[in-house]
Amino acid sequence: GTSRALRVFSGNDYLGLGEHARTRRAAANAAAAYGCGPRSSALVCGYTDMHRALERELARICETEECVLFPSGFAANATTLPAACGSEDCCIFSDALNHASIVDGCRLARQGGATVRTFAHRDYDELERELKTCSAKRTAVVSDSLFSMDGDYADVERLASLKRKYGFLLILDEAHATLVCGERGGGVAQARGRCADVDVHVGTLSKAVGAHGGFVACSREMKRFLVSRARGHMFSTALPAPVIAAALESLRVFADDPSIRVKLWRNVDRLNAALAKSPTLATMTQPLVSPIGSIVVGAPEAALAASAELLRQGFHVPAIRPPTVPAGTCRLRVALSASHRDEDIDELVGAL
């Protein structure tokens, strides 16, 4: 078959670090020096000085004492929740639009005896009403910080205020916000000045960091607990050296060149301005407040047809359908990157 170049508006490499020459070179050098496989779990022989260096750097970025690496962001959520909250004395409150990994983590915690309650998306008044009537000895609230489909944010200030009032464990999934938001790249909590109010910062290395894997940034006490209780860490093969080296170098590139993130947010502004000029598109989308935008078209067939036509024109923009989004809200999901050029964005809007 034949291949052709596509302009990708579907990936989560928000800063283009996965393509950066320094990141690629670091991964190649690590593969040459250490091989491609880590041989075993972190608790056996898969943990190296590079893993420790990455954990320390992620803890610094997130303003926490410690960090634990996981094989993926999914594994971090799905196994941290049952480890920390999977007992009969705990009740977990989860935002209705949280990522599937959080949903699965809550299901596993329920198997351990926990109660799980879902509150309407970003409805913190409902959350408070539920907290007031909850009789569980321990409570936890878990939320995405930057939601992956609509690109909207959790109200971290309100969550922090509720935490001070009700004393729950606050777990925030910063997967889409790591390096995108916050002075150091620590995410939405950092951007809002609320890092200290978050007990568990879950993140991923596979989006803006441009590598692979997941992590939990937390206190020393929480790390000691997770290392011996979170099954996704204990029983999974550790991340390989080339991946760790790539992630470390990406973080260095981010620190060395602030203009990369400036370009990302300029691209957000450019897409907003272009969409606003189209009466049709303006009625189908909300102004972007993050690198994630959705153009809601309604029916699955319409979303698939639009995505196929964009592909024909050279743009990869996926159709998102149930169960990822509710019925009747099928959409085209646009994800921006610092690597997109002005003409890429302008021509995408023309194709749309």
Protein backbone atom coordinates (compact mmCIF):
# COMPACT_ATOMS: atom_id res chain seq x y z
CA GLY A 1 0.00 0.00 0.00
CA THR A 2 0.90 3.65 -0.23
CA SER A 3 1.54 6.00 2.66
CA ARG A 4 0.95 9.73 2.90
CA ALA A 5 1.65 12.44 5.40
CA LEU A 6 -1.15 13.35 7.80
CA ARG A 7 -1.45 16.33 10.07
CA VAL A 8 -2.31 14.78 13.42
CA PHE A 9 -4.82 16.57 15.62
CA SER A 10 -5.63 13.48 17.67
CA GLY A 11 -2.59 12.81 19.86
CA ASN A 12 -1.78 14.01 23.36
CA ASP A 13 1.86 14.99 22.76
CA TYR A 14 0.88 18.54 23.68
CA LEU A 15 4.40 19.99 23.64
CA GLY A 16 5.84 17.92 20.81
CA LEU A 17 8.44 16.50 23.19
CA GLY A 18 7.94 12.95 21.95
CA GLU A 19 9.37 14.08 18.60
CA HIS A 20 12.16 16.26 20.02
CA ALA A 21 15.68 15.39 18.86
CA ARG A 22 17.05 15.41 22.42
CA THR A 23 14.33 13.03 23.63
CA ARG A 24 14.94 10.62 20.76
CA ARG A 25 18.68 10.72 21.28
CA ALA A 26 18.36 10.04 25.02
CA ALA A 27 16.17 7.00 24.37
CA ALA A 28 18.56 5.65 21.73
CA ASN A 29 21.59 6.11 23.97
CA ALA A 30 19.86 4.36 26.87
CA ALA A 31 18.85 1.45 24.64
CA ALA A 32 22.46 1.07 23.49
CA ALA A 33 23.78 1.22 27.06
CA TYR A 34 21.16 -0.77 28.98
CA GLY A 35 19.07 -2.68 26.44
CA CYS A 36 15.36 -2.42 25.79
CA GLY A 37 13.87 -4.58 28.56
CA PRO A 38 13.91 -3.95 32.33
CA ARG A 39 13.88 -7.72 33.11
CA SER A 40 11.51 -7.56 36.10
CA SER A 41 9.38 -5.43 38.39
CA ALA A 42 10.78 -2.46 40.27
CA LEU A 43 10.75 -4.50 43.48
CA VAL A 44 12.92 -7.26 41.98
CA CYS A 45 15.57 -5.89 39.62
CA GLY A 46 13.84 -3.39 37.31
CA TYR A 47 14.62 -0.25 39.32
CA THR A 48 17.72 1.79 38.44
CA ASP A 49 19.34 5.09 39.34
CA MET A 50 17.56 6.58 36.33
CA HIS A 51 14.18 5.53 37.71
CA ARG A 52 15.06 7.19 41.02
CA ALA A 53 16.21 10.36 39.25
CA LEU A 54 12.92 10.55 37.34
CA GLU A 55 10.89 10.06 40.52
CA ARG A 56 12.79 12.86 42.23
CA GLU A 57 12.28 15.23 39.31
CA LEU A 58 8.55 14.49 39.12
CA ALA A 59 8.22 15.04 42.87
CA ARG A 60 9.98 18.39 42.48
CA ILE A 61 7.69 19.41 39.63
CA CYS A 62 4.56 18.43 41.58
CA GLU A 63 5.83 19.95 44.86
CA THR A 64 5.56 16.68 46.79
CA GLU A 65 7.96 14.71 48.96
CA GLU A 66 8.00 11.59 46.83
CA CYS A 67 6.88 9.85 43.66
CA VAL A 68 6.13 6.28 42.57
CA LEU A 69 6.41 5.16 38.94
CA PHE A 70 3.78 2.92 37.33
CA PRO A 71 3.73 1.15 33.94
CA SER A 72 0.94 3.47 32.75
CA GLY A 73 -1.35 6.21 33.94
CA PHE A 74 -4.20 3.71 33.75
CA ALA A 75 -2.37 1.36 36.13
CA ALA A 76 -1.63 4.25 38.49
CA ASN A 77 -5.31 5.14 38.87
CA ALA A 78 -6.70 1.63 38.70
CA THR A 79 -4.44 0.28 41.47
CA THR A 80 -3.79 3.31 43.68
CA LEU A 81 -7.50 3.74 44.42
CA PRO A 82 -8.09 0.19 45.72
CA ALA A 83 -4.79 0.27 47.61
CA ALA A 84 -5.55 3.55 49.39
CA CYS A 85 -9.34 3.33 49.64
CA GLY A 86 -10.38 -0.31 49.20
CA SER A 87 -11.73 -1.06 52.66
CA GLU A 88 -15.14 -1.18 54.32
CA ASP A 89 -14.56 1.99 56.33
CA CYS A 90 -14.03 4.18 53.24
CA CYS A 91 -16.41 6.01 50.90
CA ILE A 92 -15.11 7.34 47.56
CA PHE A 93 -16.76 10.25 45.74
CA SER A 94 -16.00 10.36 42.01
CA ASP A 95 -16.85 12.92 39.30
CA ALA A 96 -19.25 11.47 36.73
CA LEU A 97 -16.91 12.26 33.83
CA ASN A 98 -13.73 10.87 35.35
CA HIS A 99 -11.48 8.76 33.14
CA ALA A 100 -12.18 5.04 32.74
CA SER A 101 -9.06 4.20 34.78
CA ILE A 102 -10.58 6.01 37.76
CA VAL A 103 -13.89 4.22 37.20
CA ASP A 104 -12.09 0.87 37.19
CA GLY A 105 -10.09 1.86 40.27
CA CYS A 106 -13.34 2.64 42.06
CA ARG A 107 -14.76 -0.73 41.02
CA LEU A 108 -11.75 -2.53 42.44
CA ALA A 109 -11.99 -0.48 45.64
CA ARG A 110 -15.65 -1.50 45.91
CA GLN A 111 -14.58 -5.15 45.70
CA GLY A 112 -12.43 -4.46 48.75
CA GLY A 113 -15.47 -3.19 50.64
CA ALA A 114 -15.46 0.54 49.89
CA THR A 115 -18.60 2.48 49.04
CA VAL A 116 -18.47 4.50 45.81
CA ARG A 117 -20.73 7.45 45.03
CA THR A 118 -20.71 9.41 41.78
CA PHE A 119 -21.54 13.11 41.72
CA ALA A 120 -22.65 15.04 38.62
CA HIS A 121 -19.82 16.54 36.60
CA ARG A 122 -18.30 19.51 38.45
CA ASP A 123 -21.38 19.73 40.71
CA TYR A 124 -19.62 20.51 43.96
CA ASP A 125 -22.84 21.49 45.70
CA GLU A 126 -24.06 17.94 45.17
CA LEU A 127 -20.70 16.65 46.38
CA GLU A 128 -21.01 18.67 49.58
CA ARG A 129 -24.54 17.42 50.21
CA GLU A 130 -23.25 13.85 49.86
CA LEU A 131 -20.30 14.56 52.17
CA LYS A 132 -22.62 15.99 54.82
CA THR A 133 -24.68 12.81 54.97
CA CYS A 134 -21.79 10.35 54.68
CA SER A 135 -21.20 8.29 57.82
CA ALA A 136 -18.06 6.46 56.64
CA LYS A 137 -15.01 6.64 58.88
CA ARG A 138 -12.80 7.67 55.92
CA THR A 139 -13.71 9.57 52.76
CA ALA A 140 -11.89 10.23 49.50
CA VAL A 141 -12.69 12.48 46.55
CA VAL A 142 -11.19 11.70 43.15
CA SER A 143 -11.35 13.84 40.02
CA ASP A 144 -9.62 14.50 36.76
CA SER A 145 -8.07 17.96 36.86
CA LEU A 146 -8.32 18.53 33.08
CA PHE A 147 -11.07 16.42 31.53
CA SER A 148 -10.01 14.63 28.38
CA MET A 149 -13.09 15.03 26.18
CA ASP A 150 -14.42 18.55 26.81
CA GLY A 151 -11.10 20.04 27.92
CA ASP A 152 -12.66 21.69 30.97
CA TYR A 153 -11.15 21.87 34.45
CA ALA A 154 -12.06 20.68 37.92
CA ASP A 155 -12.61 23.52 40.37
CA VAL A 156 -9.55 22.71 42.45
CA GLU A 157 -10.07 25.72 44.74
CA ARG A 158 -13.56 24.44 45.64
CA LEU A 159 -12.27 20.92 46.16
CA ALA A 160 -9.52 22.24 48.43
CA SER A 161 -12.06 24.24 50.42
CA LEU A 162 -14.29 21.19 50.82
CA LYS A 163 -11.29 19.11 51.86
CA ARG A 164 -10.44 21.54 54.65
CA LYS A 165 -14.05 21.39 55.82
CA TYR A 166 -14.65 17.62 55.60
CA GLY A 167 -11.16 16.14 55.86
CA PHE A 168 -11.23 13.73 52.91
CA LEU A 169 -8.30 12.30 50.95
CA LEU A 170 -8.04 14.32 47.73
CA ILE A 171 -6.86 12.41 44.64
CA LEU A 172 -6.35 14.45 41.48
CA ASP A 173 -5.60 12.95 38.08
CA GLU A 174 -3.34 15.48 36.32
CA ALA A 175 -2.73 13.28 33.26
CA HIS A 176 -3.69 15.91 30.66
CA ALA A 177 -2.37 18.84 32.70
CA THR A 178 1.17 17.67 33.52
CA LEU A 179 3.61 20.17 31.90
CA VAL A 180 0.60 21.92 30.30
CA CYS A 181 -0.44 23.84 33.43
CA GLY A 182 1.41 25.19 36.47
CA GLU A 183 4.60 27.19 36.85
CA ARG A 184 6.77 24.06 37.05
CA GLY A 185 4.42 21.98 34.93
CA GLY A 186 2.84 20.34 37.97
CA GLY A 187 -0.70 20.66 36.63
CA VAL A 188 -3.94 22.41 37.49
CA ALA A 189 -3.44 22.22 41.26
CA GLN A 190 -0.15 24.05 40.88
CA ALA A 191 -1.67 26.63 38.55
CA ARG A 192 -4.28 27.33 41.23
CA GLY A 193 -1.75 27.37 44.07
CA ARG A 194 -3.27 24.25 45.66
CA CYS A 195 -0.56 21.58 45.42
CA ALA A 196 -0.39 21.23 49.19
CA ASP A 197 -4.13 20.45 49.35
CA VAL A 198 -3.81 17.43 47.05
CA ASP A 199 -2.82 14.17 48.75
CA VAL A 200 -2.30 12.08 45.62
CA HIS A 201 -1.25 13.62 42.29
CA VAL A 202 -1.68 11.02 39.53
CA GLY A 203 0.09 11.74 36.25
CA THR A 204 1.27 10.20 33.04
CA LEU A 205 4.47 10.34 31.02
CA SER A 206 2.67 9.49 27.77
CA LYS A 207 1.05 12.85 27.03
CA ALA A 208 2.88 16.18 27.32
CA VAL A 209 6.05 14.44 28.58
CA GLY A 210 6.13 12.56 25.28
CA ALA A 211 7.28 9.18 26.62
CA HIS A 212 5.34 6.38 28.35
CA GLY A 213 4.28 5.34 31.84
CA GLY A 214 2.46 6.77 34.83
CA PHE A 215 3.28 8.10 38.27
CA VAL A 216 1.86 9.08 41.62
CA ALA A 217 3.40 12.09 43.36
CA CYS A 218 2.66 12.02 47.07
CA SER A 219 4.04 12.07 50.61
CA ARG A 220 6.80 9.73 51.82
CA GLU A 221 4.25 7.89 53.93
CA MET A 222 1.92 7.37 50.97
CA LYS A 223 4.81 6.15 48.80
CA ARG A 224 5.84 3.56 51.39
CA PHE A 225 2.24 2.37 51.43
CA LEU A 226 1.79 2.23 47.64
CA VAL A 227 5.09 0.46 46.97
CA SER A 228 3.88 -2.44 49.09
CA ARG A 229 0.15 -2.33 48.30
CA ALA A 230 -0.49 -0.97 44.78
CA ARG A 231 -0.55 -4.09 42.63
CA GLY A 232 0.04 -2.15 39.41
CA HIS A 233 3.45 -1.19 40.78
CA MET A 234 4.28 -4.40 42.63
CA PHE A 235 3.42 -6.96 39.98
CA SER A 236 4.12 -5.12 36.71
CA THR A 237 7.42 -5.11 34.88
CA ALA A 238 9.17 -1.79 35.44
CA LEU A 239 9.43 0.86 32.75
CA PRO A 240 12.43 0.18 30.46
CA ALA A 241 15.54 2.36 30.54
CA PRO A 242 14.99 4.00 27.11
CA VAL A 243 11.55 5.20 28.23
CA ILE A 244 12.91 6.54 31.52
CA ALA A 245 15.76 8.31 29.72
CA ALA A 246 13.33 9.85 27.22
CA ALA A 247 11.06 11.13 30.00
CA LEU A 248 13.98 12.61 31.95
CA GLU A 249 15.30 14.39 28.87
CA SER A 250 11.83 15.70 28.00
CA LEU A 251 11.61 17.28 31.44
CA ARG A 252 15.00 18.90 30.88
CA VAL A 253 13.93 20.25 27.48
CA PHE A 254 10.78 21.65 29.08
CA ALA A 255 12.85 23.40 31.77
CA ASP A 256 15.36 24.72 29.23
CA ASP A 257 12.87 26.10 26.71
CA PRO A 258 9.75 27.82 28.13
CA SER A 259 8.84 28.97 24.62
CA ILE A 260 7.53 25.47 23.83
CA ARG A 261 4.58 25.88 26.18
CA VAL A 262 4.04 29.48 25.09
CA LYS A 263 3.62 28.16 21.53
CA LEU A 264 1.03 25.62 22.69
CA TRP A 265 -1.15 28.30 24.27
CA ARG A 266 -0.74 30.56 21.25
CA ASN A 267 -2.07 27.70 19.16
CA VAL A 268 -5.09 27.46 21.49
CA ASP A 269 -5.75 31.17 20.95
CA ARG A 270 -5.34 30.83 17.19
CA LEU A 271 -7.82 27.95 16.95
CA ASN A 272 -10.33 29.83 19.10
CA ALA A 273 -10.09 32.89 16.88
CA ALA A 274 -10.49 30.82 13.71
CA LEU A 275 -13.49 28.88 15.04
CA ALA A 276 -15.18 32.10 16.17
CA LYS A 277 -15.06 33.43 12.59
CA SER A 278 -17.20 30.52 11.37
CA PRO A 279 -20.89 30.90 12.32
CA THR A 280 -21.45 27.17 11.82
CA LEU A 281 -18.47 25.96 13.85
CA ALA A 282 -19.03 28.56 16.57
CA THR A 283 -22.43 27.01 17.35
CA MET A 284 -20.95 23.50 17.56
CA THR A 285 -18.15 24.11 20.03
CA GLN A 286 -17.29 26.02 23.18
CA PRO A 287 -14.21 28.28 23.23
CA LEU A 288 -11.17 26.20 24.15
CA VAL A 289 -9.73 26.78 27.64
CA SER A 290 -7.12 24.03 27.18
CA PRO A 291 -5.42 22.24 24.27
CA ILE A 292 -8.50 19.98 23.97
CA GLY A 293 -11.54 20.98 21.94
CA SER A 294 -14.71 19.19 20.88
CA ILE A 295 -16.92 19.86 17.88
CA VAL A 296 -20.21 18.20 18.76
CA VAL A 297 -22.06 16.77 15.75
CA GLY A 298 -24.61 14.54 17.51
CA ALA A 299 -25.10 11.21 15.75
CA PRO A 300 -22.37 8.55 15.46
CA GLU A 301 -22.78 8.38 11.68
CA ALA A 302 -22.22 12.13 11.33
CA ALA A 303 -19.09 12.02 13.48
CA LEU A 304 -17.65 9.06 11.55
CA ALA A 305 -18.42 10.67 8.19
CA ALA A 306 -16.82 13.96 9.21
CA SER A 307 -13.73 12.20 10.55
CA ALA A 308 -13.41 10.19 7.31
CA GLU A 309 -13.70 13.34 5.19
CA LEU A 310 -11.04 15.10 7.27
CA LEU A 311 -8.79 12.07 6.82
CA ARG A 312 -9.32 12.30 3.06
CA GLN A 313 -8.18 15.92 3.27
CA GLY A 314 -5.07 14.96 5.24
CA PHE A 315 -6.13 15.58 8.85
CA HIS A 316 -6.37 12.91 11.55
CA VAL A 317 -9.22 14.01 13.82
CA PRO A 318 -10.99 11.11 15.55
CA ALA A 319 -14.72 10.59 15.95
CA ILE A 320 -15.59 10.09 19.62
CA ARG A 321 -18.69 7.99 20.30
CA PRO A 322 -20.39 6.21 23.22
CA PRO A 323 -19.37 4.82 25.64
CA THR A 324 -16.57 7.41 25.71
CA VAL A 325 -19.15 10.23 25.57
CA PRO A 326 -22.92 10.23 26.29
CA ALA A 327 -25.35 9.31 23.51
CA GLY A 328 -26.28 12.27 21.34
CA THR A 329 -22.98 14.07 21.94
CA CYS A 330 -20.75 12.32 19.38
CA ARG A 331 -17.98 14.65 18.40
CA LEU A 332 -14.73 15.38 16.69
CA ARG A 333 -12.01 15.73 19.31
CA VAL A 334 -9.25 18.16 18.42
CA ALA A 335 -6.00 18.03 20.39
CA LEU A 336 -3.47 20.79 19.84
CA SER A 337 0.31 20.59 20.11
CA ALA A 338 3.12 23.11 20.21
CA SER A 339 4.40 21.37 17.09
CA HIS A 340 1.40 22.53 15.03
CA ARG A 341 2.21 25.40 12.68
CA ASP A 342 -0.10 28.36 12.11
CA GLU A 343 -0.99 27.07 8.65
CA ASP A 344 -1.85 23.62 10.08
CA ILE A 345 -4.48 25.19 12.32
CA ASP A 346 -5.86 27.53 9.67
CA GLU A 347 -6.15 24.74 7.11
CA LEU A 348 -7.78 22.42 9.68
CA VAL A 349 -10.51 24.99 10.27
CA GLY A 350 -10.96 25.34 6.52
CA ALA A 351 -11.35 21.57 6.22
CA LEU A 352 -13.82 21.52 9.11
